[in-house]
Amino acid sequence: MKRKILIVDDEPNIVMSLEYAFKKQNFEVFIARDGSEVFSILNGEIPDAIILDVMMPNVDGYQTIKKIKETVNLTSTKVVFLSAKNKASDIEKGLKLGADSYITKPFSVKKIVSEILELLN
């Protein structure tokens, strides 16, 4: 069975490069441009992992992860923040809210793919 990943970012270039990389790894890829789109996708799909930007329009990544962690059928879904917010306090906040990892931008696509694969094994 294919693993599923949800990529949540408002930056098209990031979304495209990550989508391509995860499809090459045989993932089924879902995309949301902001936190409000996340839950329309999660109504029908339960991803194995979510890559989540912090700074997005409408609903930010911090609000989104709070909702994800309160959703019963998503408790085993791995969440990785991918953000330009790189202060120790930002990273700490993301991890405290329940993220499994926090990767700062600019980033290596290879590093994110290997991080996700590691979390899922």
PDB file of N, CA and C in Angstrom:
ATOM      1  N   MET A   1       0.829  -1.200   0.000  1.00  0.00           N
ATOM      2  CA  MET A   1       0.000   0.000   0.000  1.00  0.00           C
ATOM      3  C   MET A   1       0.869   1.257   0.000  1.00  0.00           C
ATOM      4  N   LYS A   2       0.478   2.227  -0.792  1.00  0.00           N
ATOM      5  CA  LYS A   2       1.235   3.479  -0.865  1.00  0.00           C
ATOM      6  C   LYS A   2       1.127   4.261   0.426  1.00  0.00           C
ATOM      7  N   ARG A   3       2.235   4.853   0.831  1.00  0.00           N
ATOM      8  CA  ARG A   3       2.183   5.776   1.965  1.00  0.00           C
ATOM      9  C   ARG A   3       1.642   7.097   1.470  1.00  0.00           C
ATOM     10  N   LYS A   4       1.011   7.825   2.400  1.00  0.00           N
ATOM     11  CA  LYS A   4       0.393   9.107   2.035  1.00  0.00           C
ATOM     12  C   LYS A   4       1.080  10.234   2.787  1.00  0.00           C
ATOM     13  N   ILE A   5       1.282  11.335   2.070  1.00  0.00           N
ATOM     14  CA  ILE A   5       1.862  12.517   2.705  1.00  0.00           C
ATOM     15  C   ILE A   5       1.058  13.745   2.288  1.00  0.00           C
ATOM     16  N   LEU A   6       0.868  14.631   3.238  1.00  0.00           N
ATOM     17  CA  LEU A   6       0.189  15.903   2.984  1.00  0.00           C
ATOM     18  C   LEU A   6       1.229  17.013   3.106  1.00  0.00           C
ATOM     19  N   ILE A   7       1.379  17.787   2.042  1.00  0.00           N
ATOM     20  CA  ILE A   7       2.320  18.909   2.036  1.00  0.00           C
ATOM     21  C   ILE A   7       1.497  20.188   2.169  1.00  0.00           C
ATOM     22  N   VAL A   8       1.794  20.963   3.223  1.00  0.00           N
ATOM     23  CA  VAL A   8       1.036  22.178   3.496  1.00  0.00           C
ATOM     24  C   VAL A   8       1.991  23.367   3.441  1.00  0.00           C
ATOM     25  N   ASP A   9       1.922  24.115   2.341  1.00  0.00           N
ATOM     26  CA  ASP A   9       2.795  25.274   2.175  1.00  0.00           C
ATOM     27  C   ASP A   9       2.163  26.190   1.142  1.00  0.00           C
ATOM     28  N   ASP A  10       2.335  27.499   1.308  1.00  0.00           N
ATOM     29  CA  ASP A  10       1.755  28.454   0.362  1.00  0.00           C
ATOM     30  C   ASP A  10       2.748  28.870  -0.719  1.00  0.00           C
ATOM     31  N   GLU A  11       3.923  28.276  -0.723  1.00  0.00           N
ATOM     32  CA  GLU A  11       4.966  28.613  -1.699  1.00  0.00           C
ATOM     33  C   GLU A  11       5.001  27.548  -2.808  1.00  0.00           C
ATOM     34  N   PRO A  12       4.510  27.884  -4.022  1.00  0.00           N
ATOM     35  CA  PRO A  12       4.387  26.889  -5.098  1.00  0.00           C
ATOM     36  C   PRO A  12       5.671  26.137  -5.433  1.00  0.00           C
ATOM     37  N   ASN A  13       6.828  26.815  -5.422  1.00  0.00           N
ATOM     38  CA  ASN A  13       8.089  26.129  -5.762  1.00  0.00           C
ATOM     39  C   ASN A  13       8.441  25.047  -4.748  1.00  0.00           C
ATOM     40  N   ILE A  14       8.188  25.325  -3.487  1.00  0.00           N
ATOM     41  CA  ILE A  14       8.451  24.339  -2.438  1.00  0.00           C
ATOM     42  C   ILE A  14       7.517  23.149  -2.610  1.00  0.00           C
ATOM     43  N   VAL A  15       6.240  23.436  -2.810  1.00  0.00           N
ATOM     44  CA  VAL A  15       5.249  22.377  -2.985  1.00  0.00           C
ATOM     45  C   VAL A  15       5.625  21.489  -4.165  1.00  0.00           C
ATOM     46  N   MET A  16       5.995  22.107  -5.293  1.00  0.00           N
ATOM     47  CA  MET A  16       6.336  21.326  -6.490  1.00  0.00           C
ATOM     48  C   MET A  16       7.557  20.438  -6.278  1.00  0.00           C
ATOM     49  N   SER A  17       8.600  20.973  -5.662  1.00  0.00           N
ATOM     50  CA  SER A  17       9.810  20.165  -5.480  1.00  0.00           C
ATOM     51  C   SER A  17       9.568  19.015  -4.497  1.00  0.00           C
ATOM     52  N   LEU A  18       8.813  19.282  -3.433  1.00  0.00           N
ATOM     53  CA  LEU A  18       8.519  18.218  -2.466  1.00  0.00           C
ATOM     54  C   LEU A  18       7.577  17.176  -3.066  1.00  0.00           C
ATOM     55  N   GLU A  19       6.576  17.631  -3.807  1.00  0.00           N
ATOM     56  CA  GLU A  19       5.638  16.702  -4.438  1.00  0.00           C
ATOM     57  C   GLU A  19       6.396  15.744  -5.366  1.00  0.00           C
ATOM     58  N   TYR A  20       7.263  16.291  -6.179  1.00  0.00           N
ATOM     59  CA  TYR A  20       8.058  15.483  -7.109  1.00  0.00           C
ATOM     60  C   TYR A  20       8.910  14.462  -6.346  1.00  0.00           C
ATOM     61  N   ALA A  21       9.595  14.925  -5.309  1.00  0.00           N
ATOM     62  CA  ALA A  21      10.495  14.048  -4.544  1.00  0.00           C
ATOM     63  C   ALA A  21       9.729  12.906  -3.871  1.00  0.00           C
ATOM     64  N   PHE A  22       8.565  13.202  -3.310  1.00  0.00           N
ATOM     65  CA  PHE A  22       7.819  12.153  -2.611  1.00  0.00           C
ATOM     66  C   PHE A  22       7.115  11.206  -3.577  1.00  0.00           C
ATOM     67  N   LYS A  23       6.705  11.706  -4.739  1.00  0.00           N
ATOM     68  CA  LYS A  23       6.125  10.804  -5.751  1.00  0.00           C
ATOM     69  C   LYS A  23       7.189   9.826  -6.237  1.00  0.00           C
ATOM     70  N   LYS A  24       8.434  10.291  -6.355  1.00  0.00           N
ATOM     71  CA  LYS A  24       9.539   9.405  -6.748  1.00  0.00           C
ATOM     72  C   LYS A  24       9.753   8.305  -5.702  1.00  0.00           C
ATOM     73  N   GLN A  25       9.403   8.600  -4.447  1.00  0.00           N
ATOM     74  CA  GLN A  25       9.521   7.621  -3.358  1.00  0.00           C
ATOM     75  C   GLN A  25       8.243   6.787  -3.228  1.00  0.00           C
ATOM     76  N   ASN A  26       7.370   6.903  -4.222  1.00  0.00           N
ATOM     77  CA  ASN A  26       6.129   6.129  -4.285  1.00  0.00           C
ATOM     78  C   ASN A  26       5.100   6.517  -3.220  1.00  0.00           C
ATOM     79  N   PHE A  27       5.084   7.789  -2.835  1.00  0.00           N
ATOM     80  CA  PHE A  27       4.070   8.293  -1.920  1.00  0.00           C
ATOM     81  C   PHE A  27       2.869   8.789  -2.713  1.00  0.00           C
ATOM     82  N   GLU A  28       1.696   8.700  -2.114  1.00  0.00           N
ATOM     83  CA  GLU A  28       0.536   9.404  -2.637  1.00  0.00           C
ATOM     84  C   GLU A  28       0.594  10.782  -1.988  1.00  0.00           C
ATOM     85  N   VAL A  29       0.593  11.852  -2.793  1.00  0.00           N
ATOM     86  CA  VAL A  29       0.827  13.206  -2.290  1.00  0.00           C
ATOM     87  C   VAL A  29      -0.449  14.039  -2.343  1.00  0.00           C
ATOM     88  N   PHE A  30      -0.746  14.685  -1.223  1.00  0.00           N
ATOM     89  CA  PHE A  30      -1.867  15.623  -1.136  1.00  0.00           C
ATOM     90  C   PHE A  30      -1.282  16.988  -0.825  1.00  0.00           C
ATOM     91  N   ILE A  31      -1.948  18.046  -1.325  1.00  0.00           N
ATOM     92  CA  ILE A  31      -1.407  19.394  -1.156  1.00  0.00           C
ATOM     93  C   ILE A  31      -2.473  20.340  -0.619  1.00  0.00           C
ATOM     94  N   ALA A  32      -2.069  21.129   0.375  1.00  0.00           N
ATOM     95  CA  ALA A  32      -2.925  22.202   0.894  1.00  0.00           C
ATOM     96  C   ALA A  32      -2.089  23.477   0.880  1.00  0.00           C
ATOM     97  N   ARG A  33      -2.720  24.583   0.536  1.00  0.00           N
ATOM     98  CA  ARG A  33      -1.999  25.860   0.447  1.00  0.00           C
ATOM     99  C   ARG A  33      -2.037  26.639   1.762  1.00  0.00           C
ATOM    100  N   ASP A  34      -2.944  26.261   2.660  1.00  0.00           N
ATOM    101  CA  ASP A  34      -2.987  26.894   3.982  1.00  0.00           C
ATOM    102  C   ASP A  34      -3.693  25.958   4.957  1.00  0.00           C
ATOM    103  N   GLY A  35      -3.686  26.354   6.225  1.00  0.00           N
ATOM    104  CA  GLY A  35      -4.250  25.512   7.264  1.00  0.00           C
ATOM    105  C   GLY A  35      -5.719  25.178   7.086  1.00  0.00           C
ATOM    106  N   SER A  36      -6.479  26.094   6.477  1.00  0.00           N
ATOM    107  CA  SER A  36      -7.911  25.812   6.321  1.00  0.00           C
ATOM    108  C   SER A  36      -8.164  24.708   5.289  1.00  0.00           C
ATOM    109  N   GLU A  37      -7.290  24.591   4.284  1.00  0.00           N
ATOM    110  CA  GLU A  37      -7.428  23.525   3.287  1.00  0.00           C
ATOM    111  C   GLU A  37      -7.077  22.154   3.857  1.00  0.00           C
ATOM    112  N   VAL A  38      -6.256  22.146   4.894  1.00  0.00           N
ATOM    113  CA  VAL A  38      -5.795  20.892   5.482  1.00  0.00           C
ATOM    114  C   VAL A  38      -6.976  20.017   5.887  1.00  0.00           C
ATOM    115  N   PHE A  39      -7.950  20.616   6.551  1.00  0.00           N
ATOM    116  CA  PHE A  39      -9.009  19.799   7.140  1.00  0.00           C
ATOM    117  C   PHE A  39     -10.021  19.295   6.122  1.00  0.00           C
ATOM    118  N   SER A  40     -10.140  19.983   4.974  1.00  0.00           N
ATOM    119  CA  SER A  40     -11.001  19.415   3.929  1.00  0.00           C
ATOM    120  C   SER A  40     -10.343  18.151   3.358  1.00  0.00           C
ATOM    121  N   ILE A  41      -9.020  18.132   3.287  1.00  0.00           N
ATOM    122  CA  ILE A  41      -8.314  16.935   2.823  1.00  0.00           C
ATOM    123  C   ILE A  41      -8.372  15.843   3.894  1.00  0.00           C
ATOM    124  N   LEU A  42      -8.168  16.236   5.149  1.00  0.00           N
ATOM    125  CA  LEU A  42      -8.143  15.243   6.234  1.00  0.00           C
ATOM    126  C   LEU A  42      -9.507  14.622   6.506  1.00  0.00           C
ATOM    127  N   ASN A  43     -10.566  15.225   5.992  1.00  0.00           N
ATOM    128  CA  ASN A  43     -11.884  14.603   6.125  1.00  0.00           C
ATOM    129  C   ASN A  43     -11.955  13.304   5.336  1.00  0.00           C
ATOM    130  N   GLY A  44     -11.201  13.225   4.228  1.00  0.00           N
ATOM    131  CA  GLY A  44     -11.251  12.036   3.394  1.00  0.00           C
ATOM    132  C   GLY A  44      -9.998  11.181   3.417  1.00  0.00           C
ATOM    133  N   GLU A  45      -8.905  11.711   3.916  1.00  0.00           N
ATOM    134  CA  GLU A  45      -7.627  10.996   3.886  1.00  0.00           C
ATOM    135  C   GLU A  45      -6.940  11.046   5.237  1.00  0.00           C
ATOM    136  N   ILE A  46      -6.245   9.966   5.573  1.00  0.00           N
ATOM    137  CA  ILE A  46      -5.404   9.969   6.770  1.00  0.00           C
ATOM    138  C   ILE A  46      -3.969   9.746   6.316  1.00  0.00           C
ATOM    139  N   PRO A  47      -3.188  10.833   6.240  1.00  0.00           N
ATOM    140  CA  PRO A  47      -1.803  10.683   5.769  1.00  0.00           C
ATOM    141  C   PRO A  47      -0.912  10.058   6.838  1.00  0.00           C
ATOM    142  N   ASP A  48       0.167   9.432   6.373  1.00  0.00           N
ATOM    143  CA  ASP A  48       1.169   8.891   7.291  1.00  0.00           C
ATOM    144  C   ASP A  48       2.018  10.025   7.858  1.00  0.00           C
ATOM    145  N   ALA A  49       2.169  11.091   7.050  1.00  0.00           N
ATOM    146  CA  ALA A  49       2.993  12.227   7.471  1.00  0.00           C
ATOM    147  C   ALA A  49       2.438  13.521   6.886  1.00  0.00           C
ATOM    148  N   ILE A  50       2.720  14.619   7.596  1.00  0.00           N
ATOM    149  CA  ILE A  50       2.320  15.949   7.145  1.00  0.00           C
ATOM    150  C   ILE A  50       3.545  16.857   7.248  1.00  0.00           C
ATOM    151  N   ILE A  51       3.852  17.540   6.151  1.00  0.00           N
ATOM    152  CA  ILE A  51       4.887  18.575   6.170  1.00  0.00           C
ATOM    153  C   ILE A  51       4.135  19.894   6.255  1.00  0.00           C
ATOM    154  N   LEU A  52       4.448  20.678   7.277  1.00  0.00           N
ATOM    155  CA  LEU A  52       3.625  21.830   7.617  1.00  0.00           C
ATOM    156  C   LEU A  52       4.456  23.104   7.731  1.00  0.00           C
ATOM    157  N   ASP A  53       4.099  24.101   6.933  1.00  0.00           N
ATOM    158  CA  ASP A  53       4.726  25.421   7.031  1.00  0.00           C
ATOM    159  C   ASP A  53       4.117  26.137   8.238  1.00  0.00           C
ATOM    160  N   VAL A  54       4.850  27.053   8.839  1.00  0.00           N
ATOM    161  CA  VAL A  54       4.303  27.819   9.965  1.00  0.00           C
ATOM    162  C   VAL A  54       3.556  29.052   9.463  1.00  0.00           C
ATOM    163  N   MET A  55       4.207  29.853   8.621  1.00  0.00           N
ATOM    164  CA  MET A  55       3.613  31.120   8.180  1.00  0.00           C
ATOM    165  C   MET A  55       2.814  30.920   6.900  1.00  0.00           C
ATOM    166  N   MET A  56       1.485  30.911   7.042  1.00  0.00           N
ATOM    167  CA  MET A  56       0.588  30.739   5.902  1.00  0.00           C
ATOM    168  C   MET A  56      -0.603  31.668   6.069  1.00  0.00           C
ATOM    169  N   PRO A  57      -1.291  31.960   4.961  1.00  0.00           N
ATOM    170  CA  PRO A  57      -2.491  32.795   5.073  1.00  0.00           C
ATOM    171  C   PRO A  57      -3.611  32.052   5.814  1.00  0.00           C
ATOM    172  N   ASN A  58      -4.559  32.784   6.330  1.00  0.00           N
ATOM    173  CA  ASN A  58      -5.753  32.252   7.022  1.00  0.00           C
ATOM    174  C   ASN A  58      -5.440  31.542   8.331  1.00  0.00           C
ATOM    175  N   VAL A  59      -5.006  30.304   8.261  1.00  0.00           N
ATOM    176  CA  VAL A  59      -4.726  29.533   9.482  1.00  0.00           C
ATOM    177  C   VAL A  59      -3.254  29.134   9.453  1.00  0.00           C
ATOM    178  N   ASP A  60      -2.480  29.550  10.464  1.00  0.00           N
ATOM    179  CA  ASP A  60      -1.043  29.242  10.436  1.00  0.00           C
ATOM    180  C   ASP A  60      -0.751  27.808  10.901  1.00  0.00           C
ATOM    181  N   GLY A  61       0.499  27.424  10.773  1.00  0.00           N
ATOM    182  CA  GLY A  61       0.910  26.063  11.104  1.00  0.00           C
ATOM    183  C   GLY A  61       0.720  25.703  12.571  1.00  0.00           C
ATOM    184  N   TYR A  62       0.920  26.672  13.456  1.00  0.00           N
ATOM    185  CA  TYR A  62       0.747  26.397  14.889  1.00  0.00           C
ATOM    186  C   TYR A  62      -0.714  26.066  15.207  1.00  0.00           C
ATOM    187  N   GLN A  63      -1.639  26.848  14.636  1.00  0.00           N
ATOM    188  CA  GLN A  63      -3.068  26.568  14.852  1.00  0.00           C
ATOM    189  C   GLN A  63      -3.442  25.227  14.224  1.00  0.00           C
ATOM    190  N   THR A  64      -2.869  24.955  13.058  1.00  0.00           N
ATOM    191  CA  THR A  64      -3.174  23.719  12.335  1.00  0.00           C
ATOM    192  C   THR A  64      -2.731  22.490  13.116  1.00  0.00           C
ATOM    193  N   ILE A  65      -1.498  22.503  13.667  1.00  0.00           N
ATOM    194  CA  ILE A  65      -1.024  21.321  14.385  1.00  0.00           C
ATOM    195  C   ILE A  65      -1.850  21.084  15.653  1.00  0.00           C
ATOM    196  N   LYS A  66      -2.315  22.168  16.289  1.00  0.00           N
ATOM    197  CA  LYS A  66      -3.164  21.994  17.477  1.00  0.00           C
ATOM    198  C   LYS A  66      -4.403  21.182  17.114  1.00  0.00           C
ATOM    199  N   LYS A  67      -5.041  21.538  15.992  1.00  0.00           N
ATOM    200  CA  LYS A  67      -6.237  20.822  15.543  1.00  0.00           C
ATOM    201  C   LYS A  67      -5.906  19.379  15.152  1.00  0.00           C
ATOM    202  N   ILE A  68      -4.772  19.209  14.470  1.00  0.00           N
ATOM    203  CA  ILE A  68      -4.367  17.859  14.049  1.00  0.00           C
ATOM    204  C   ILE A  68      -4.198  16.970  15.276  1.00  0.00           C
ATOM    205  N   LYS A  69      -3.512  17.487  16.291  1.00  0.00           N
ATOM    206  CA  LYS A  69      -3.234  16.692  17.491  1.00  0.00           C
ATOM    207  C   LYS A  69      -4.491  16.407  18.308  1.00  0.00           C
ATOM    208  N   GLU A  70      -5.553  17.198  18.099  1.00  0.00           N
ATOM    209  CA  GLU A  70      -6.820  16.958  18.802  1.00  0.00           C
ATOM    210  C   GLU A  70      -7.716  15.977  18.045  1.00  0.00           C
ATOM    211  N   THR A  71      -7.319  15.608  16.829  1.00  0.00           N
ATOM    212  CA  THR A  71      -8.132  14.730  15.988  1.00  0.00           C
ATOM    213  C   THR A  71      -7.734  13.286  16.223  1.00  0.00           C
ATOM    214  N   VAL A  72      -8.664  12.491  16.743  1.00  0.00           N
ATOM    215  CA  VAL A  72      -8.383  11.126  17.188  1.00  0.00           C
ATOM    216  C   VAL A  72      -7.713  10.254  16.122  1.00  0.00           C
ATOM    217  N   ASN A  73      -8.243  10.245  14.895  1.00  0.00           N
ATOM    218  CA  ASN A  73      -7.680   9.343  13.886  1.00  0.00           C
ATOM    219  C   ASN A  73      -6.346   9.820  13.304  1.00  0.00           C
ATOM    220  N   LEU A  74      -5.819  10.945  13.794  1.00  0.00           N
ATOM    221  CA  LEU A  74      -4.532  11.452  13.302  1.00  0.00           C
ATOM    222  C   LEU A  74      -3.422  11.346  14.346  1.00  0.00           C
ATOM    223  N   THR A  75      -3.684  10.691  15.457  1.00  0.00           N
ATOM    224  CA  THR A  75      -2.699  10.663  16.543  1.00  0.00           C
ATOM    225  C   THR A  75      -1.377  10.003  16.135  1.00  0.00           C
ATOM    226  N   SER A  76      -1.403   9.073  15.187  1.00  0.00           N
ATOM    227  CA  SER A  76      -0.143   8.430  14.787  1.00  0.00           C
ATOM    228  C   SER A  76       0.482   9.076  13.549  1.00  0.00           C
ATOM    229  N   THR A  77      -0.175  10.098  12.997  1.00  0.00           N
ATOM    230  CA  THR A  77       0.373  10.811  11.838  1.00  0.00           C
ATOM    231  C   THR A  77       1.578  11.639  12.279  1.00  0.00           C
ATOM    232  N   LYS A  78       2.693  11.493  11.566  1.00  0.00           N
ATOM    233  CA  LYS A  78       3.906  12.261  11.873  1.00  0.00           C
ATOM    234  C   LYS A  78       3.781  13.661  11.282  1.00  0.00           C
ATOM    235  N   VAL A  79       4.188  14.666  12.059  1.00  0.00           N
ATOM    236  CA  VAL A  79       4.122  16.048  11.583  1.00  0.00           C
ATOM    237  C   VAL A  79       5.521  16.657  11.631  1.00  0.00           C
ATOM    238  N   VAL A  80       5.947  17.209  10.490  1.00  0.00           N
ATOM    239  CA  VAL A  80       7.243  17.866  10.403  1.00  0.00           C
ATOM    240  C   VAL A  80       7.011  19.314   9.980  1.00  0.00           C
ATOM    241  N   PHE A  81       7.468  20.241  10.811  1.00  0.00           N
ATOM    242  CA  PHE A  81       7.393  21.652  10.433  1.00  0.00           C
ATOM    243  C   PHE A  81       8.519  21.958   9.453  1.00  0.00           C
ATOM    244  N   LEU A  82       8.199  22.754   8.440  1.00  0.00           N
ATOM    245  CA  LEU A  82       9.179  23.261   7.492  1.00  0.00           C
ATOM    246  C   LEU A  82       8.948  24.763   7.458  1.00  0.00           C
ATOM    247  N   SER A  83       9.873  25.530   8.033  1.00  0.00           N
ATOM    248  CA  SER A  83       9.591  26.954   8.208  1.00  0.00           C
ATOM    249  C   SER A  83      10.823  27.831   8.105  1.00  0.00           C
ATOM    250  N   ALA A  84      10.594  29.057   7.679  1.00  0.00           N
ATOM    251  CA  ALA A  84      11.656  30.067   7.685  1.00  0.00           C
ATOM    252  C   ALA A  84      11.852  30.621   9.096  1.00  0.00           C
ATOM    253  N   LYS A  85      10.894  30.355   9.986  1.00  0.00           N
ATOM    254  CA  LYS A  85      11.025  30.797  11.383  1.00  0.00           C
ATOM    255  C   LYS A  85      12.051  29.887  12.052  1.00  0.00           C
ATOM    256  N   ASN A  86      13.255  30.420  12.263  1.00  0.00           N
ATOM    257  CA  ASN A  86      14.351  29.557  12.697  1.00  0.00           C
ATOM    258  C   ASN A  86      14.929  29.914  14.062  1.00  0.00           C
ATOM    259  N   LYS A  87      14.225  30.756  14.815  1.00  0.00           N
ATOM    260  CA  LYS A  87      14.687  31.074  16.170  1.00  0.00           C
ATOM    261  C   LYS A  87      14.448  29.859  17.060  1.00  0.00           C
ATOM    262  N   ALA A  88      15.272  29.714  18.080  1.00  0.00           N
ATOM    263  CA  ALA A  88      15.115  28.585  19.005  1.00  0.00           C
ATOM    264  C   ALA A  88      13.705  28.554  19.598  1.00  0.00           C
ATOM    265  N   SER A  89      13.155  29.748  19.891  1.00  0.00           N
ATOM    266  CA  SER A  89      11.811  29.803  20.489  1.00  0.00           C
ATOM    267  C   SER A  89      10.739  29.293  19.517  1.00  0.00           C
ATOM    268  N   ASP A  90      10.912  29.554  18.209  1.00  0.00           N
ATOM    269  CA  ASP A  90       9.961  29.064  17.200  1.00  0.00           C
ATOM    270  C   ASP A  90      10.020  27.543  17.116  1.00  0.00           C
ATOM    271  N   ILE A  91      11.236  27.029  17.073  1.00  0.00           N
ATOM    272  CA  ILE A  91      11.438  25.579  16.962  1.00  0.00           C
ATOM    273  C   ILE A  91      10.871  24.889  18.205  1.00  0.00           C
ATOM    274  N   GLU A  92      11.190  25.455  19.364  1.00  0.00           N
ATOM    275  CA  GLU A  92      10.694  24.897  20.634  1.00  0.00           C
ATOM    276  C   GLU A  92       9.162  24.879  20.655  1.00  0.00           C
ATOM    277  N   LYS A  93       8.551  25.974  20.207  1.00  0.00           N
ATOM    278  CA  LYS A  93       7.087  26.051  20.180  1.00  0.00           C
ATOM    279  C   LYS A  93       6.514  24.959  19.286  1.00  0.00           C
ATOM    280  N   GLY A  94       7.095  24.793  18.097  1.00  0.00           N
ATOM    281  CA  GLY A  94       6.631  23.765  17.165  1.00  0.00           C
ATOM    282  C   GLY A  94       6.717  22.360  17.758  1.00  0.00           C
ATOM    283  N   LEU A  95       7.823  22.074  18.418  1.00  0.00           N
ATOM    284  CA  LEU A  95       8.007  20.744  19.008  1.00  0.00           C
ATOM    285  C   LEU A  95       7.087  20.543  20.209  1.00  0.00           C
ATOM    286  N   LYS A  96       6.888  21.607  20.997  1.00  0.00           N
ATOM    287  CA  LYS A  96       5.975  21.527  22.150  1.00  0.00           C
ATOM    288  C   LYS A  96       4.544  21.253  21.713  1.00  0.00           C
ATOM    289  N   LEU A  97       4.168  21.800  20.553  1.00  0.00           N
ATOM    290  CA  LEU A  97       2.812  21.597  20.043  1.00  0.00           C
ATOM    291  C   LEU A  97       2.621  20.190  19.468  1.00  0.00           C
ATOM    292  N   GLY A  98       3.706  19.428  19.390  1.00  0.00           N
ATOM    293  CA  GLY A  98       3.570  18.030  18.982  1.00  0.00           C
ATOM    294  C   GLY A  98       4.238  17.638  17.685  1.00  0.00           C
ATOM    295  N   ALA A  99       5.017  18.542  17.076  1.00  0.00           N
ATOM    296  CA  ALA A  99       5.718  18.175  15.842  1.00  0.00           C
ATOM    297  C   ALA A  99       6.773  17.115  16.151  1.00  0.00           C
ATOM    298  N   ASP A 100       6.954  16.204  15.215  1.00  0.00           N
ATOM    299  CA  ASP A 100       7.968  15.159  15.370  1.00  0.00           C
ATOM    300  C   ASP A 100       9.348  15.664  14.971  1.00  0.00           C
ATOM    301  N   SER A 101       9.373  16.732  14.171  1.00  0.00           N
ATOM    302  CA  SER A 101      10.627  17.313  13.717  1.00  0.00           C
ATOM    303  C   SER A 101      10.366  18.749  13.253  1.00  0.00           C
ATOM    304  N   TYR A 102      11.435  19.537  13.151  1.00  0.00           N
ATOM    305  CA  TYR A 102      11.315  20.934  12.726  1.00  0.00           C
ATOM    306  C   TYR A 102      12.507  21.225  11.828  1.00  0.00           C
ATOM    307  N   ILE A 103      12.244  21.466  10.558  1.00  0.00           N
ATOM    308  CA  ILE A 103      13.302  21.735   9.591  1.00  0.00           C
ATOM    309  C   ILE A 103      13.164  23.189   9.143  1.00  0.00           C
ATOM    310  N   THR A 104      14.293  23.910   9.102  1.00  0.00           N
ATOM    311  CA  THR A 104      14.234  25.326   8.742  1.00  0.00           C
ATOM    312  C   THR A 104      14.566  25.524   7.257  1.00  0.00           C
ATOM    313  N   LYS A 105      13.942  26.570   6.694  1.00  0.00           N
ATOM    314  CA  LYS A 105      14.224  26.971   5.307  1.00  0.00           C
ATOM    315  C   LYS A 105      15.413  27.923   5.332  1.00  0.00           C
ATOM    316  N   PRO A 106      16.262  27.969   4.327  1.00  0.00           N
ATOM    317  CA  PRO A 106      16.291  27.071   3.169  1.00  0.00           C
ATOM    318  C   PRO A 106      16.625  25.639   3.603  1.00  0.00           C
ATOM    319  N   PHE A 107      16.186  24.680   2.809  1.00  0.00           N
ATOM    320  CA  PHE A 107      16.296  23.292   3.213  1.00  0.00           C
ATOM    321  C   PHE A 107      16.745  22.421   2.039  1.00  0.00           C
ATOM    322  N   SER A 108      17.119  21.204   2.364  1.00  0.00           N
ATOM    323  CA  SER A 108      17.474  20.226   1.344  1.00  0.00           C
ATOM    324  C   SER A 108      16.305  19.256   1.188  1.00  0.00           C
ATOM    325  N   VAL A 109      15.836  19.091  -0.045  1.00  0.00           N
ATOM    326  CA  VAL A 109      14.731  18.156  -0.313  1.00  0.00           C
ATOM    327  C   VAL A 109      15.140  16.750   0.134  1.00  0.00           C
ATOM    328  N   LYS A 110      16.391  16.386  -0.164  1.00  0.00           N
ATOM    329  CA  LYS A 110      16.895  15.057   0.246  1.00  0.00           C
ATOM    330  C   LYS A 110      16.768  14.867   1.755  1.00  0.00           C
ATOM    331  N   LYS A 111      17.109  15.921   2.512  1.00  0.00           N
ATOM    332  CA  LYS A 111      17.062  15.833   3.969  1.00  0.00           C
ATOM    333  C   LYS A 111      15.619  15.619   4.454  1.00  0.00           C
ATOM    334  N   ILE A 112      14.678  16.328   3.845  1.00  0.00           N
ATOM    335  CA  ILE A 112      13.279  16.171   4.256  1.00  0.00           C
ATOM    336  C   ILE A 112      12.781  14.772   3.927  1.00  0.00           C
ATOM    337  N   VAL A 113      13.088  14.290   2.732  1.00  0.00           N
ATOM    338  CA  VAL A 113      12.651  12.948   2.340  1.00  0.00           C
ATOM    339  C   VAL A 113      13.227  11.911   3.308  1.00  0.00           C
ATOM    340  N   SER A 114      14.522  12.016   3.612  1.00  0.00           N
ATOM    341  CA  SER A 114      15.119  11.014   4.514  1.00  0.00           C
ATOM    342  C   SER A 114      14.561  11.144   5.930  1.00  0.00           C
ATOM    343  N   GLU A 115      14.292  12.379   6.373  1.00  0.00           N
ATOM    344  CA  GLU A 115      13.683  12.603   7.699  1.00  0.00           C
ATOM    345  C   GLU A 115      12.305  11.936   7.786  1.00  0.00           C
ATOM    346  N   ILE A 116      11.488  12.116   6.755  1.00  0.00           N
ATOM    347  CA  ILE A 116      10.139  11.523   6.728  1.00  0.00           C
ATOM    348  C   ILE A 116      10.243   9.994   6.691  1.00  0.00           C
ATOM    349  N   LEU A 117      11.100   9.484   5.832  1.00  0.00           N
ATOM    350  CA  LEU A 117      11.247   8.019   5.736  1.00  0.00           C
ATOM    351  C   LEU A 117      11.700   7.431   7.073  1.00  0.00           C
ATOM    352  N   GLU A 118      12.617   8.143   7.739  1.00  0.00           N
ATOM    353  CA  GLU A 118      13.083   7.704   9.061  1.00  0.00           C
ATOM    354  C   GLU A 118      11.948   7.687  10.089  1.00  0.00           C
ATOM    355  N   LEU A 119      11.152   8.759  10.107  1.00  0.00           N
ATOM    356  CA  LEU A 119      10.040   8.848  11.045  1.00  0.00           C
ATOM    357  C   LEU A 119       9.004   7.738  10.813  1.00  0.00           C
ATOM    358  N   LEU A 120       8.841   7.331   9.569  1.00  0.00           N
ATOM    359  CA  LEU A 120       7.816   6.345   9.245  1.00  0.00           C
ATOM    360  C   LEU A 120       8.306   4.899   9.414  1.00  0.00           C
ATOM    361  N   ASN A 121       9.608   4.719   9.579  1.00  0.00           N
ATOM    362  CA  ASN A 121      10.112   3.340   9.749  1.00  0.00           C
ATOM    363  C   ASN A 121      10.154   2.899  11.191  1.00  0.00           C
TER     364      ASN A 121
END
